[in-house]
Every structure is written in structure tokens, then in C-alpha cells.
Amino acid sequence: MPTPDYAAFEALMRAERLPELVIRTFRHALEQLASGETGLIPEADLLPARDLPRAEELGASAEAAGRAALPQALQIKLNGGLGTSMGLEQAKSLLKVRGELTFLDIIARQSLASGVPLVLMDSFSTQEDTLAFLGARYPTLGQGPLPLDFCQHKVPKVSQAALAPLVWPDDPELAWCPPGHGDLYTALVTSGALDAFLAAGYRYAFVSNADNLGATLDPALLGFMVERGLPFVMEVTARTPADRKGGHLAVRRSDGQLLLRESAQCPPEDMESFQDITRHTAFNTNNIWLDLHALRARLDACDGVLGLPLIRNAKTLDPRDPQSPPVYQLETAMGAAIEVFPGAAAILVPRTRFAPVKTTGDLLAVRSDAYLLTDDHRVVPSPDRRYPDLTVDLDPAYYRRIDDLEARFPQGPPSLWRARSLKVRGDVTFGARIIIENDAVIEPFRPPGPVTLADGCSFDGGPWRV
């Protein structure tokens, strides 16, 4: 493998006025790449993570310890995504999710109701829209000693052939990529946010994705960290078939260390075992808890570079052009820090704490009567639901974009509280008061349609050819 052109990368990053810590962290990733590190974690090196503590079994003492620590706690929401996979050109968190309320509305109201400060990790793509929205609707947010947001960084893509930067004159921004949400730790330092948190007396941070409305600050989970003096806690949940491609918790065979393995870190020959949800049962929710004192101590000990495991993503420079030059995108995962904090732990939490919206099908489910909005602004599964899990699979040819979804559900979502799954294939527009029960499959009799379902229809099983 060629030697990376470190000087060219550093010059490019300084020209973009990126902080020196970002440059040093990226150099560490380049050095890993040049040494032959692929970021792959073979199955032979791992054992399944078993016998984890369960959130349901936390006692009254954990709840009491958490409530006592709430004045020292804050929440950080990862808000860097644009939702481009759903055809959005603004912050994904500005999507309407319950009536006229967006993700950001609900998150802001949770913070105001609980009194726990809210801080967002934005990207340069989402910061302007987000701050304008919150400033107009919730002007009291961010008025205290803490920043309302800080920004994640960008890093150069790496030529696979030369391990050098690349330039794409037609669109210079294609030369850059996000460094993954593992950039959280670096961005906390370079933005001054970590120092601000500590100076204001905050010790604990709960971190989660803005599109996961099940992730709220639970005092009992905070108490779990406080009572045991843990530096880092990862929330995991029981894997389902829908999670086969997501990151899982495991134990390193050589030393018993907990670690996170993402799909991009799995060798192709081990993908079957990676996706075996009966072997690797603990799914990473991307909800984590940080002791900020421990984070500061760890960063000081390693000169700011945590050395998170590399994720080497092979792409093309222009993702829409397979003929553009092959590149590596060097990333890290936030949850991978579980292996760099001595004494870090994981806890098994209910599925209700993991309800992300990654597709229009996920959004339709959360908008439906299978969920409800509580008085304290939490989006939770309806107690009337027939099944604990709900999967909505909409044909990407007709429902991938938000505009497609709105056009084909003009009367709003169907009733889904009786459903375990809904699969739609072809161009189907739904009328009002439609009921889905159990496992329903709907597709046009003469694919791909279009067809319109009459108001008041009920579907159970299938395939229903309409």
C-alpha cells in the first residue's frame, strides 16, 4: 500500500480552517490505513455478549440516584443528517412526525418540560435551518450557560490508488465526507462545548440520534451509571430480523473487552454469522451515556486523539457516478468508544427506547395510531398495540421520497395498531379510515398500478391484489 500524502491532506484541511485536533485525528486514521488496517473484525476474534444487566431490573435505588444526579445531566442529540435518502434538502429533524409537530418540536418540548438542557450536534448542512427553527419557536432554549449546538467536522476522502486527496472540479464538496458520529468526542473539544459543560457543573451526558424519539433521558439509566461509577454506558436492545444489518455488541475473545462491530467492519465471509440474531443478540441503539469527567481525563491522557477503531468505507468519489475514482471514507462510530474507556458497560433496554425513522415506512408507522404522544412529549408505542414490533415496508420505487409518501397517503396513515407488518408493492394510494391487521401484503392486480384503495377498507394477510 502506498504511503499517504500526509502533507497534502494537512494543507487541504488547514485551507478549510479545520482545527489541529481534527487534523491529528485524521492523520491517526490515515496511519491505521497505511499500516494495512482494514477495520475488519473477524468472527473468530469474537464471542457473543451475554448476561448483560437489564434496565427492567434496575431497582428504586437506581431511580433515586438518577433523580439526584439530574441537575448535573444534559442531553446531546445528533442532528447532522439531511435525510437525503428520503428526498430532503434540509435537516431531517424538521420532518413532521406527529400532526404538525416535527422531531425538533418534540425534542425541544421534552427538554423544556424536564428542565434537562438540550444541546445539538449539528452539521454544516443542518445548523442554519435548525437554529432558525428553534429560535423562532423556542427562544428560551440555549439562553443559559451552555451552547445550544456545536458542529461536527468534515474530512477529506482518500484516493484508493494513491492515498492522497482528490478534487472534483464540477462539485468541490464531493472531495469531503463526514467522519462518522465518532467525531462527537473531537467536536466536543474543538467547539469548546466540553469545557463549557464542565465549567457549568455538568457531569453526565445522554447522547442519542435526533430521529429516535424513543430515546429520552431515563433517570434509572442515569442512576445505573452513577451508582456504579461507570465512565461510559451503551444501551443495547434485543436484535430482531429488522436489525440484521445493524451494529452489534460483542466480546473480544483475546481479553474479554466489550466492543461494537458495525456491518462495514465485518469480513464478507463472516456476514452470515454477523446477521445471525440468535448468536449476536445485542443490537446497538446508538444511545450512550458519558461521564464527562472521565471523558476529559481520557482525552487528556491521549492528547485528544481517542484512537477509535477505523471504519474503512470503500466508495466512489461521486456516489452517483460509479465511474468516478474509487475512494476510502475514513469514519469512526460513537459507540466504539466502549472499548477505549476502562470499565465501560452496556445495558439491555426495552425496544421502546429504539424507534428510529430511517425510511418513509418508519415515518408512516410513527405517524400512525400504533404510537401515541404522551403529556410529557414522548412518542411511545400505543398500549393497545396487538404486537410489540411493527414493520412497514413500502415499495421504494413509489414511496422512497417524502413527497411520494404524502401523495399516496393523502388522508394520513392507515390504522396500524392491530398490525405486525405491512408490505406494499406497486403504486397504491390509500383512502381514509383504512385498517391493517396482523401481516398484510398489498399489491396491484396488474403491477405496478396505479390503484386507489377505497375509504374504510380492511386488510389482513394476503397478498391482497387490488
Protein backbone atom coordinates (compact mmCIF):
# COMPACT_ATOMS: atom_id res chain seq x y z
CA MET A 1 0.00 0.00 0.00
CA PRO A 2 1.40 3.47 -0.89
CA THR A 3 2.46 5.95 1.77
CA PRO A 4 -0.26 8.54 2.39
CA ASP A 5 0.43 12.09 1.24
CA TYR A 6 0.16 13.47 4.76
CA ALA A 7 1.38 16.94 3.76
CA ALA A 8 -1.26 17.31 1.04
CA PHE A 9 -4.04 16.27 3.41
CA GLU A 10 -2.86 18.62 6.14
CA ALA A 11 -2.57 21.54 3.71
CA LEU A 12 -6.06 20.87 2.38
CA MET A 13 -7.56 20.68 5.86
CA ARG A 14 -5.79 23.83 7.06
CA ALA A 15 -7.06 25.66 3.99
CA GLU A 16 -10.56 24.72 5.19
CA ARG A 17 -9.64 26.06 8.67
CA LEU A 18 -10.21 22.76 10.36
CA PRO A 19 -8.84 22.58 13.93
CA GLU A 20 -5.46 20.99 14.53
CA LEU A 21 -7.03 18.26 16.67
CA VAL A 22 -9.18 17.23 13.68
CA ILE A 23 -6.06 17.11 11.50
CA ARG A 24 -4.19 14.97 14.04
CA THR A 25 -7.16 12.64 14.47
CA PHE A 26 -7.44 12.23 10.69
CA ARG A 27 -3.70 11.55 10.46
CA HIS A 28 -4.13 8.76 13.01
CA ALA A 29 -6.80 7.22 10.77
CA LEU A 30 -4.51 7.53 7.74
CA GLU A 31 -1.70 5.84 9.63
CA GLN A 32 -4.03 2.97 10.50
CA LEU A 33 -4.99 2.69 6.83
CA ALA A 34 -1.37 2.76 5.64
CA SER A 35 -0.37 0.06 8.13
CA GLY A 36 -2.83 -2.28 6.46
CA GLU A 37 -5.63 -1.80 8.96
CA THR A 38 -8.92 -2.54 7.24
CA GLY A 39 -11.16 -2.01 10.24
CA LEU A 40 -12.49 -5.55 9.75
CA ILE A 41 -13.22 -7.64 12.86
CA PRO A 42 -13.34 -11.37 12.06
CA GLU A 43 -15.92 -13.58 13.71
CA ALA A 44 -13.13 -15.82 15.01
CA ASP A 45 -11.95 -12.95 17.23
CA LEU A 46 -15.32 -12.52 18.94
CA LEU A 47 -17.65 -14.05 21.45
CA PRO A 48 -21.33 -13.09 21.82
CA ALA A 49 -22.15 -10.58 24.56
CA ARG A 50 -24.25 -12.45 27.13
CA ASP A 51 -25.74 -11.89 30.58
CA LEU A 52 -25.97 -8.12 30.31
CA PRO A 53 -27.75 -6.15 33.05
CA ARG A 54 -31.34 -5.33 32.15
CA ALA A 55 -32.98 -1.94 32.50
CA GLU A 56 -36.23 -3.54 33.68
CA GLU A 57 -34.41 -4.97 36.69
CA LEU A 58 -33.00 -1.68 37.97
CA GLY A 59 -34.36 -1.00 41.41
CA ALA A 60 -35.61 2.03 43.26
CA SER A 61 -32.09 2.97 44.30
CA ALA A 62 -31.04 3.49 40.67
CA GLU A 63 -34.08 5.69 40.07
CA ALA A 64 -33.30 7.72 43.20
CA ALA A 65 -29.61 8.06 42.30
CA GLY A 66 -30.53 9.21 38.80
CA ARG A 67 -33.01 11.80 40.01
CA ALA A 68 -30.43 13.15 42.46
CA ALA A 69 -27.94 13.49 39.58
CA LEU A 70 -30.37 15.19 37.13
CA PRO A 71 -29.08 18.72 37.94
CA GLN A 72 -25.70 17.54 36.62
CA ALA A 73 -27.12 15.95 33.45
CA LEU A 74 -27.68 17.20 29.91
CA GLN A 75 -28.74 15.61 26.64
CA ILE A 76 -26.99 15.76 23.28
CA LYS A 77 -28.92 14.98 20.10
CA LEU A 78 -27.04 14.04 16.92
CA ASN A 79 -28.68 16.27 14.32
CA GLY A 80 -26.32 16.15 11.35
CA GLY A 81 -28.49 14.26 8.86
CA LEU A 82 -30.24 15.84 5.88
CA GLY A 83 -32.50 12.88 5.13
CA THR A 84 -31.34 12.84 1.52
CA SER A 85 -32.38 9.19 1.20
CA MET A 86 -35.98 10.43 1.59
CA GLY A 87 -35.55 13.32 -0.85
CA LEU A 88 -34.99 16.05 1.76
CA GLU A 89 -32.72 19.06 1.37
CA GLN A 90 -32.97 20.28 4.96
CA ALA A 91 -32.39 18.86 8.42
CA LYS A 92 -34.19 15.54 8.73
CA SER A 93 -35.35 16.58 12.19
CA LEU A 94 -37.60 19.21 10.58
CA LEU A 95 -39.88 16.48 9.23
CA LYS A 96 -43.39 16.47 10.65
CA VAL A 97 -43.77 13.31 12.68
CA ARG A 98 -46.94 13.72 14.81
CA GLY A 99 -49.55 16.03 13.32
CA GLU A 100 -47.86 19.40 12.81
CA LEU A 101 -45.03 18.60 15.25
CA THR A 102 -41.55 17.91 13.89
CA PHE A 103 -38.82 15.86 15.53
CA LEU A 104 -37.29 19.12 16.75
CA ASP A 105 -40.60 20.30 18.22
CA ILE A 106 -40.89 17.13 20.27
CA ILE A 107 -37.23 17.15 21.36
CA ALA A 108 -37.41 20.82 22.38
CA ARG A 109 -40.62 20.26 24.36
CA GLN A 110 -39.09 17.27 26.14
CA SER A 111 -36.18 19.45 27.24
CA LEU A 112 -38.37 22.33 28.39
CA ALA A 113 -40.71 20.00 30.28
CA SER A 114 -37.91 18.10 32.04
CA GLY A 115 -35.58 21.01 32.68
CA VAL A 116 -32.67 18.94 31.30
CA PRO A 117 -30.62 21.14 28.92
CA LEU A 118 -30.63 20.25 25.23
CA VAL A 119 -27.51 20.54 23.06
CA LEU A 120 -27.44 19.54 19.38
CA MET A 121 -24.50 18.24 17.38
CA ASP A 122 -25.34 19.77 14.01
CA SER A 123 -23.50 19.51 10.72
CA PHE A 124 -22.68 22.44 8.46
CA SER A 125 -25.64 21.28 6.36
CA THR A 126 -28.20 21.34 9.18
CA GLN A 127 -27.03 24.11 11.52
CA GLU A 128 -28.62 27.13 9.84
CA ASP A 129 -32.08 25.58 9.35
CA THR A 130 -32.08 24.08 12.84
CA LEU A 131 -31.11 27.22 14.74
CA ALA A 132 -33.55 29.35 12.75
CA PHE A 133 -36.39 26.93 13.53
CA LEU A 134 -35.64 26.66 17.25
CA GLY A 135 -35.01 30.40 17.60
CA ALA A 136 -38.43 31.18 16.13
CA ARG A 137 -40.40 28.59 18.13
CA TYR A 138 -38.43 28.08 21.34
CA PRO A 139 -36.43 31.25 22.02
CA THR A 140 -35.70 30.27 25.63
CA LEU A 141 -33.62 27.27 24.56
CA GLY A 142 -29.90 27.97 24.69
CA GLN A 143 -30.28 31.02 26.92
CA GLY A 144 -28.27 29.51 29.80
CA PRO A 145 -24.52 28.91 30.15
CA LEU A 146 -24.48 26.06 27.61
CA PRO A 147 -24.30 26.34 23.82
CA LEU A 148 -27.45 25.23 22.02
CA ASP A 149 -25.35 23.44 19.44
CA PHE A 150 -21.91 22.62 18.15
CA CYS A 151 -20.84 21.33 14.73
CA GLN A 152 -19.33 18.07 13.63
CA HIS A 153 -16.42 18.26 11.21
CA LYS A 154 -15.72 17.11 7.68
CA VAL A 155 -12.65 15.23 6.44
CA PRO A 156 -11.18 14.52 3.00
CA LYS A 157 -12.00 11.43 1.00
CA VAL A 158 -8.89 9.34 0.28
CA SER A 159 -7.87 8.11 -3.17
CA GLN A 160 -7.64 4.32 -3.03
CA ALA A 161 -4.87 4.33 -5.65
CA ALA A 162 -2.57 6.96 -4.16
CA LEU A 163 -3.81 7.54 -0.58
CA ALA A 164 -3.94 11.22 -1.50
CA PRO A 165 -6.69 13.85 -1.62
CA LEU A 166 -8.85 14.13 -4.72
CA VAL A 167 -10.57 17.11 -6.28
CA TRP A 168 -13.76 17.04 -8.34
CA PRO A 169 -13.92 20.42 -10.12
CA ASP A 170 -17.60 20.16 -11.04
CA ASP A 171 -18.52 19.81 -7.35
CA PRO A 172 -15.63 20.51 -4.94
CA GLU A 173 -17.69 19.41 -1.92
CA LEU A 174 -17.57 15.83 -3.23
CA ALA A 175 -13.96 15.72 -2.03
CA TRP A 176 -15.22 15.78 1.58
CA CYS A 177 -17.23 13.44 3.76
CA PRO A 178 -18.45 13.25 7.35
CA PRO A 179 -16.10 11.36 9.70
CA GLY A 180 -18.94 9.38 11.31
CA HIS A 181 -20.60 10.12 14.63
CA GLY A 182 -17.39 9.09 16.39
CA ASP A 183 -16.44 12.70 15.63
CA LEU A 184 -18.62 13.61 18.63
CA TYR A 185 -15.67 13.46 21.00
CA THR A 186 -13.39 15.60 18.84
CA ALA A 187 -16.14 18.12 18.14
CA LEU A 188 -16.92 18.47 21.86
CA VAL A 189 -13.32 19.56 22.38
CA THR A 190 -12.75 21.79 19.35
CA SER A 191 -16.06 23.63 19.79
CA GLY A 192 -15.37 24.38 23.44
CA ALA A 193 -18.62 22.61 24.37
CA LEU A 194 -16.96 20.11 26.71
CA ASP A 195 -15.21 22.87 28.64
CA ALA A 196 -18.50 24.80 28.84
CA PHE A 197 -20.32 21.75 30.20
CA LEU A 198 -17.73 21.13 32.88
CA ALA A 199 -17.43 24.79 33.85
CA ALA A 200 -21.20 24.96 34.35
CA GLY A 201 -21.13 21.95 36.69
CA TYR A 202 -22.46 19.27 34.33
CA ARG A 203 -21.03 15.79 34.67
CA TYR A 204 -23.32 13.41 32.74
CA ALA A 205 -24.42 13.48 29.11
CA PHE A 206 -27.04 11.32 27.44
CA VAL A 207 -26.41 11.11 23.68
CA SER A 208 -28.84 9.82 21.04
CA ASN A 209 -29.97 10.34 17.45
CA ALA A 210 -32.48 13.11 16.78
CA ASP A 211 -34.61 10.72 14.70
CA ASN A 212 -35.01 8.26 17.60
CA LEU A 213 -37.94 9.60 19.60
CA GLY A 214 -37.83 6.60 21.92
CA ALA A 215 -34.54 7.87 23.34
CA THR A 216 -35.38 10.03 26.34
CA LEU A 217 -33.35 10.73 29.47
CA ASP A 218 -34.41 7.96 31.85
CA PRO A 219 -33.37 8.69 35.47
CA ALA A 220 -33.00 4.99 36.28
CA LEU A 221 -30.44 4.56 33.48
CA LEU A 222 -28.60 7.64 34.67
CA GLY A 223 -28.65 6.12 38.16
CA PHE A 224 -27.20 2.86 36.80
CA MET A 225 -24.16 4.86 35.67
CA VAL A 226 -23.92 6.97 38.82
CA GLU A 227 -24.24 4.13 41.35
CA ARG A 228 -21.56 2.04 39.65
CA GLY A 229 -19.22 4.91 38.80
CA LEU A 230 -19.19 3.94 35.12
CA PRO A 231 -17.37 6.16 32.58
CA PHE A 232 -19.41 5.05 29.56
CA VAL A 233 -22.64 3.08 29.07
CA MET A 234 -24.07 1.79 25.79
CA GLU A 235 -27.76 0.96 25.54
CA VAL A 236 -28.41 -2.19 23.55
CA THR A 237 -31.68 -3.94 22.76
CA ALA A 238 -32.64 -7.42 21.62
CA ARG A 239 -31.94 -7.83 17.91
CA THR A 240 -34.83 -8.60 15.57
CA PRO A 241 -34.76 -9.62 11.89
CA ALA A 242 -35.01 -5.91 11.02
CA ASP A 243 -31.65 -5.34 12.77
CA ARG A 244 -29.60 -7.97 10.93
CA LYS A 245 -27.54 -5.34 9.12
CA GLY A 246 -27.04 -3.09 12.15
CA GLY A 247 -24.12 -2.92 14.54
CA HIS A 248 -23.99 -5.36 17.44
CA LEU A 249 -22.19 -5.61 20.75
CA ALA A 250 -19.64 -8.41 21.15
CA VAL A 251 -16.79 -9.52 23.40
CA ARG A 252 -13.21 -9.66 22.13
CA ARG A 253 -12.04 -13.23 22.62
CA SER A 254 -8.44 -12.30 23.49
CA ASP A 255 -9.12 -10.10 26.52
CA GLY A 256 -12.86 -10.12 27.26
CA GLN A 257 -13.27 -6.47 26.23
CA LEU A 258 -16.71 -5.29 25.08
CA LEU A 259 -16.69 -3.83 21.58
CA LEU A 260 -19.01 -2.66 18.83
CA ARG A 261 -18.91 -4.23 15.35
CA GLU A 262 -20.65 -2.41 12.51
CA SER A 263 -21.56 -4.14 9.24
CA ALA A 264 -18.75 -2.26 7.45
CA GLN A 265 -16.31 -3.93 9.89
CA CYS A 266 -17.42 -7.47 9.11
CA PRO A 267 -15.39 -9.53 6.61
CA PRO A 268 -17.59 -10.74 3.72
CA GLU A 269 -17.02 -14.38 4.63
CA ASP A 270 -18.40 -13.72 8.15
CA MET A 271 -21.55 -11.87 7.11
CA GLU A 272 -23.78 -14.86 7.81
CA SER A 273 -22.68 -15.00 11.45
CA PHE A 274 -22.85 -11.19 11.70
CA GLN A 275 -26.50 -11.33 10.69
CA ASP A 276 -27.31 -14.28 12.96
CA ILE A 277 -29.55 -12.61 15.53
CA THR A 278 -29.57 -15.75 17.68
CA ARG A 279 -25.78 -15.54 18.09
CA HIS A 280 -25.18 -11.79 18.34
CA THR A 281 -28.31 -10.74 20.19
CA ALA A 282 -27.37 -7.27 21.49
CA PHE A 283 -28.15 -4.50 18.99
CA ASN A 284 -26.58 -1.06 19.40
CA THR A 285 -29.30 1.59 19.76
CA ASN A 286 -26.78 4.45 19.45
CA ASN A 287 -27.97 5.72 22.83
CA ILE A 288 -24.95 6.27 25.08
CA TRP A 289 -24.22 7.79 28.48
CA LEU A 290 -20.98 9.67 29.16
CA ASP A 291 -19.30 10.69 32.40
CA LEU A 292 -17.83 14.00 31.21
CA HIS A 293 -15.12 13.94 33.90
CA ALA A 294 -13.98 10.54 32.62
CA LEU A 295 -14.12 11.80 29.02
CA ARG A 296 -11.95 14.80 29.87
CA ALA A 297 -9.43 12.58 31.69
CA ARG A 298 -9.28 10.13 28.80
CA LEU A 299 -8.83 12.89 26.22
CA ASP A 300 -6.07 14.48 28.28
CA ALA A 301 -4.30 11.12 28.57
CA CYS A 302 -4.22 10.59 24.78
CA ASP A 303 -3.60 14.19 23.69
CA GLY A 304 -7.15 14.50 22.38
CA VAL A 305 -7.00 11.55 19.95
CA LEU A 306 -9.12 8.74 21.36
CA GLY A 307 -7.94 6.30 18.71
CA LEU A 308 -11.33 4.82 17.93
CA PRO A 309 -11.35 1.74 15.68
CA LEU A 310 -11.23 2.58 11.98
CA ILE A 311 -14.19 2.05 9.69
CA ARG A 312 -12.89 1.96 6.11
CA ASN A 313 -15.74 2.52 3.68
CA ALA A 314 -14.92 1.90 0.01
CA LYS A 315 -16.91 4.27 -2.22
CA THR A 316 -16.59 6.26 -5.43
CA LEU A 317 -15.78 9.96 -5.24
CA ASP A 318 -19.17 10.81 -6.71
CA PRO A 319 -21.62 8.32 -5.19
CA ARG A 320 -23.94 8.86 -8.17
CA ASP A 321 -21.19 8.07 -10.71
CA PRO A 322 -19.72 4.55 -10.48
CA GLN A 323 -17.04 5.60 -12.99
CA SER A 324 -15.62 8.29 -10.70
CA PRO A 325 -12.38 7.48 -8.86
CA PRO A 326 -12.51 4.88 -6.05
CA VAL A 327 -12.02 6.40 -2.61
CA TYR A 328 -11.98 5.45 1.03
CA GLN A 329 -14.12 7.31 3.52
CA LEU A 330 -12.45 7.01 6.93
CA GLU A 331 -15.01 7.01 9.71
CA THR A 332 -15.47 6.07 13.35
CA ALA A 333 -18.55 5.09 15.35
CA MET A 334 -19.56 6.88 18.55
CA GLY A 335 -20.38 3.60 20.29
CA ALA A 336 -16.94 2.18 19.52
CA ALA A 337 -15.66 4.24 22.45
CA ILE A 338 -16.92 1.41 24.67
CA GLU A 339 -13.54 -0.24 24.14
CA VAL A 340 -11.38 2.80 24.97
CA PHE A 341 -12.91 3.58 28.36
CA PRO A 342 -11.70 1.14 31.04
CA GLY A 343 -14.72 -0.10 32.97
CA ALA A 344 -17.25 0.82 30.27
CA ALA A 345 -20.51 -1.16 30.33
CA ALA A 346 -23.63 -1.98 28.33
CA ILE A 347 -27.22 -2.40 29.48
CA LEU A 348 -30.12 -4.16 27.76
CA VAL A 349 -33.07 -1.78 27.33
CA PRO A 350 -36.64 -2.30 26.09
CA ARG A 351 -37.35 -1.94 22.39
CA THR A 352 -39.39 1.16 23.18
CA ARG A 353 -36.11 3.09 23.54
CA PHE A 354 -35.26 2.40 19.89
CA ALA A 355 -37.73 3.80 17.38
CA PRO A 356 -35.62 5.49 14.69
CA VAL A 357 -37.02 6.85 11.43
CA LYS A 358 -34.72 5.81 8.59
CA THR A 359 -37.30 5.27 5.83
CA THR A 360 -40.70 6.57 4.82
CA GLY A 361 -42.11 3.27 6.11
CA ASP A 362 -40.69 4.03 9.56
CA LEU A 363 -42.21 7.52 9.38
CA LEU A 364 -45.64 6.17 8.41
CA ALA A 365 -45.56 3.82 11.40
CA VAL A 366 -44.63 6.56 13.89
CA ARG A 367 -47.33 8.85 12.47
CA SER A 368 -49.97 6.13 12.86
CA ASP A 369 -52.15 5.06 15.78
CA ALA A 370 -49.56 2.39 16.64
CA TYR A 371 -47.81 5.20 18.56
CA LEU A 372 -49.04 7.98 20.79
CA LEU A 373 -47.64 11.27 22.08
CA THR A 374 -47.65 11.45 25.88
CA ASP A 375 -48.33 14.51 28.00
CA ASP A 376 -44.59 14.79 28.71
CA HIS A 377 -43.85 14.82 24.95
CA ARG A 378 -42.62 11.25 24.49
CA VAL A 379 -43.55 9.21 21.43
CA VAL A 380 -44.26 5.68 22.69
CA PRO A 381 -45.97 2.55 21.36
CA SER A 382 -49.71 2.59 21.94
CA PRO A 383 -50.74 0.37 24.89
CA ASP A 384 -53.49 -1.01 22.62
CA ARG A 385 -51.00 -2.48 20.14
CA ARG A 386 -51.59 -6.11 19.29
CA TYR A 387 -47.87 -6.84 18.69
CA PRO A 388 -44.73 -5.41 20.32
CA ASP A 389 -42.98 -4.87 16.97
CA LEU A 390 -44.26 -3.24 13.80
CA THR A 391 -42.57 -3.28 10.38
CA VAL A 392 -43.74 -1.16 7.45
CA ASP A 393 -42.09 -1.99 4.11
CA LEU A 394 -43.11 0.38 1.31
CA ASP A 395 -42.07 -0.12 -2.31
CA PRO A 396 -39.04 2.19 -2.76
CA ALA A 397 -39.96 2.76 -6.41
CA TYR A 398 -43.10 4.64 -5.31
CA TYR A 399 -42.66 5.64 -1.68
CA ARG A 400 -38.97 6.44 -1.15
CA ARG A 401 -39.33 10.22 -1.03
CA ILE A 402 -41.39 12.20 1.44
CA ASP A 403 -43.35 13.76 -1.42
CA ASP A 404 -44.20 10.25 -2.67
CA LEU A 405 -45.43 9.24 0.78
CA GLU A 406 -47.62 12.33 1.21
CA ALA A 407 -49.15 11.89 -2.25
CA ARG A 408 -50.10 8.25 -1.65
CA PHE A 409 -51.46 8.77 1.88
CA PRO A 410 -53.43 11.99 1.33
CA GLN A 411 -55.80 11.17 4.24
CA GLY A 412 -52.98 10.28 6.61
CA PRO A 413 -51.72 6.84 7.69
CA PRO A 414 -53.93 3.78 7.95
CA SER A 415 -54.77 2.28 11.33
CA LEU A 416 -51.80 0.09 12.29
CA TRP A 417 -52.28 -0.71 15.98
CA ARG A 418 -53.59 -4.19 15.06
CA ALA A 419 -50.71 -4.87 12.63
CA ARG A 420 -47.40 -6.66 12.94
CA SER A 421 -46.30 -5.85 9.40
CA LEU A 422 -47.45 -4.04 6.29
CA LYS A 423 -45.80 -4.60 2.91
CA VAL A 424 -46.87 -2.57 -0.11
CA ARG A 425 -45.64 -3.23 -3.63
CA GLY A 426 -46.57 -1.15 -6.66
CA ASP A 427 -48.26 2.24 -6.94
CA VAL A 428 -51.06 2.21 -4.37
CA THR A 429 -52.84 5.29 -2.98
CA PHE A 430 -54.61 4.81 0.35
CA GLY A 431 -58.01 6.27 1.15
CA ALA A 432 -59.30 7.28 4.59
CA ARG A 433 -60.01 5.02 7.58
CA ILE A 434 -58.16 2.00 6.18
CA ILE A 435 -57.37 -0.74 8.72
CA ILE A 436 -54.35 -3.05 8.59
CA GLU A 437 -54.34 -6.19 10.72
CA ASN A 438 -51.69 -8.81 11.53
CA ASP A 439 -49.37 -9.30 8.50
CA ALA A 440 -50.75 -7.65 5.37
CA VAL A 441 -49.33 -7.58 1.85
CA ILE A 442 -50.93 -5.24 -0.70
CA GLU A 443 -50.05 -5.06 -4.38
CA PRO A 444 -51.85 -4.09 -7.59
CA PHE A 445 -53.53 -6.91 -9.53
CA ARG A 446 -51.85 -5.59 -12.66
CA PRO A 447 -48.48 -4.35 -11.42
CA PRO A 448 -47.34 -1.75 -10.93
CA GLY A 449 -50.68 0.09 -10.80
CA PRO A 450 -51.64 2.82 -10.10
CA VAL A 451 -54.66 1.94 -7.97
CA THR A 452 -56.53 3.72 -5.17
CA LEU A 453 -57.91 1.91 -2.13
CA ALA A 454 -61.45 2.93 -1.19
CA ASP A 455 -62.16 4.54 2.16
CA GLY A 456 -62.80 2.15 5.03
CA CYS A 457 -61.11 -0.95 3.57
CA SER A 458 -59.61 -3.58 5.89
CA PHE A 459 -56.63 -5.80 5.05
CA ASP A 460 -55.48 -8.89 6.94
CA GLY A 461 -52.90 -11.28 5.49
CA GLY A 462 -52.51 -11.51 1.75
CA PRO A 463 -51.18 -10.89 -0.72
CA TRP A 464 -54.15 -8.68 -1.47
CA ARG A 465 -54.23 -7.95 -5.19
CA VAL A 466 -56.14 -4.72 -5.61
